């Protein structure tokens, strides 16, 4: 009897793991048609730039790279993606961020400090 319960528990855990994988990797986001397009809105604040700037349309599953470059005497202070800080610190050199296999709209904000 205990052997059957242990086997049932193992099968239940295995099924739960399969369900979690399918939910994470095959959800509504990834079921979009291949001709769908999404937008990525890029902004920069302070003494620096982001490229490409403003709103860019991206095809389903394509990838796009953003480059954040400090201006003269400027420093990159943070990069926020979809409202979450992705990087924070101080950088005097350009950095890049890649949206891989786009399946949703996104935002990216590069915050630079201004020269004092």
Protein backbone atom coordinates (compact mmCIF):
# COMPACT_ATOMS: atom_id res chain seq x y z
CA UNK A 1 0.00 0.00 0.00
CA UNK A 2 2.74 2.48 0.92
CA UNK A 3 4.57 1.57 -2.27
CA UNK A 4 1.54 2.59 -4.36
CA UNK A 5 1.24 5.90 -2.50
CA UNK A 6 4.93 6.66 -3.08
CA UNK A 7 4.56 5.86 -6.79
CA UNK A 8 1.45 8.06 -7.05
CA UNK A 9 3.29 10.93 -5.35
CA UNK A 10 6.21 10.60 -7.79
CA UNK A 11 3.86 10.58 -10.77
CA UNK A 12 2.02 13.60 -9.37
CA UNK A 13 5.27 15.54 -8.99
CA UNK A 14 6.35 14.58 -12.51
CA UNK A 15 3.02 15.75 -13.96
CA UNK A 16 3.24 18.99 -11.98
CA UNK A 17 6.71 19.66 -13.40
CA UNK A 18 5.52 18.97 -16.95
CA UNK A 19 2.56 21.31 -16.45
CA UNK A 20 4.84 24.03 -15.07
CA UNK A 21 7.16 23.69 -18.09
CA UNK A 22 4.28 23.84 -20.57
CA UNK A 23 2.70 26.81 -18.81
CA UNK A 24 6.00 28.72 -18.77
CA UNK A 25 7.16 27.87 -22.29
CA UNK A 26 3.96 27.42 -24.26
CA UNK A 27 1.69 30.07 -22.79
CA UNK A 28 -0.35 32.75 -24.52
CA UNK A 29 2.71 34.87 -25.26
CA UNK A 30 4.39 32.21 -27.38
CA UNK A 31 1.19 31.24 -29.23
CA UNK A 32 1.09 34.49 -31.21
CA UNK A 33 0.93 34.20 -34.98
CA UNK A 34 4.22 34.54 -36.80
CA UNK A 35 3.00 37.74 -38.51
CA UNK A 36 2.38 39.58 -35.20
CA UNK A 37 4.31 42.75 -34.42
CA UNK A 38 5.20 44.35 -31.11
CA UNK A 39 6.54 47.72 -30.03
CA UNK A 40 9.53 48.58 -27.89
CA UNK A 41 9.62 52.09 -26.48
CA UNK A 42 13.11 53.38 -25.69
CA UNK A 43 13.87 56.57 -23.76
CA UNK A 44 16.98 58.18 -22.33
CA UNK A 45 17.15 60.70 -19.51
CA UNK A 46 20.09 62.95 -18.64
CA UNK A 47 23.36 63.26 -20.54
CA UNK A 48 23.36 60.27 -22.88
CA UNK A 49 21.51 58.50 -25.65
CA UNK A 50 19.87 55.20 -26.49
CA UNK A 51 19.71 53.75 -29.96
CA UNK A 52 17.29 53.08 -31.49
CA UNK A 53 15.32 55.85 -29.78
CA UNK A 54 11.55 56.18 -29.38
CA UNK A 55 9.16 53.44 -30.55
CA UNK A 56 10.42 50.59 -32.70
CA UNK A 57 8.20 47.92 -34.24
CA UNK A 58 9.57 44.39 -33.99
CA UNK A 59 8.25 41.26 -35.67
CA UNK A 60 7.27 38.22 -33.62
CA UNK A 61 10.31 36.21 -32.50
CA UNK A 62 12.83 38.73 -33.86
CA UNK A 63 15.59 40.14 -31.66
CA UNK A 64 16.75 43.74 -31.33
CA UNK A 65 19.77 45.32 -29.65
CA UNK A 66 19.74 48.65 -27.84
CA UNK A 67 22.92 50.64 -27.21
CA UNK A 68 23.12 53.13 -24.35
CA UNK A 69 25.96 55.66 -24.73
CA UNK A 70 26.92 58.31 -22.14
CA UNK A 71 27.34 61.84 -23.46
CA UNK A 72 30.45 63.93 -22.87
CA UNK A 73 31.19 63.88 -19.12
CA UNK A 74 28.05 61.79 -18.58
CA UNK A 75 27.68 58.43 -16.86
CA UNK A 76 25.14 55.69 -17.37
CA UNK A 77 23.47 55.19 -13.98
CA UNK A 78 20.77 52.58 -14.65
CA UNK A 79 18.89 50.60 -17.27
CA UNK A 80 15.25 49.77 -16.56
CA UNK A 81 13.44 47.16 -18.67
CA UNK A 82 9.67 46.80 -18.42
CA UNK A 83 9.65 48.73 -15.13
CA UNK A 84 12.34 46.61 -13.45
CA UNK A 85 15.90 47.80 -12.93
CA UNK A 86 18.09 45.53 -15.07
CA UNK A 87 21.39 47.26 -14.29
CA UNK A 88 22.45 49.95 -11.85
CA UNK A 89 25.88 51.41 -11.23
CA UNK A 90 28.22 53.79 -13.00
CA UNK A 91 29.44 53.28 -16.55
CA UNK A 92 31.46 55.67 -18.65
CA UNK A 93 31.29 53.37 -21.70
CA UNK A 94 28.43 52.24 -23.92
CA UNK A 95 26.37 49.24 -22.87
CA UNK A 96 23.98 47.06 -24.85
CA UNK A 97 20.75 45.25 -24.04
CA UNK A 98 19.19 42.62 -26.32
CA UNK A 99 15.52 41.72 -26.46
CA UNK A 100 15.66 38.12 -27.73
CA UNK A 101 12.71 36.40 -29.43
CA UNK A 102 10.25 39.24 -28.87
CA UNK A 103 6.73 38.04 -27.99
CA UNK A 104 5.33 41.10 -26.19
CA UNK A 105 5.54 44.89 -26.03
CA UNK A 106 8.44 46.25 -23.96
CA UNK A 107 9.98 49.44 -22.59
CA UNK A 108 13.60 50.31 -21.91
CA UNK A 109 14.85 53.43 -20.13
CA UNK A 110 18.50 54.47 -19.91
CA UNK A 111 19.16 56.95 -17.10
CA UNK A 112 22.31 59.07 -17.30
CA UNK A 113 23.55 61.68 -14.89
CA UNK A 114 24.24 65.12 -16.23
CA UNK A 115 27.69 66.70 -15.96
CA UNK A 116 28.14 68.76 -12.83
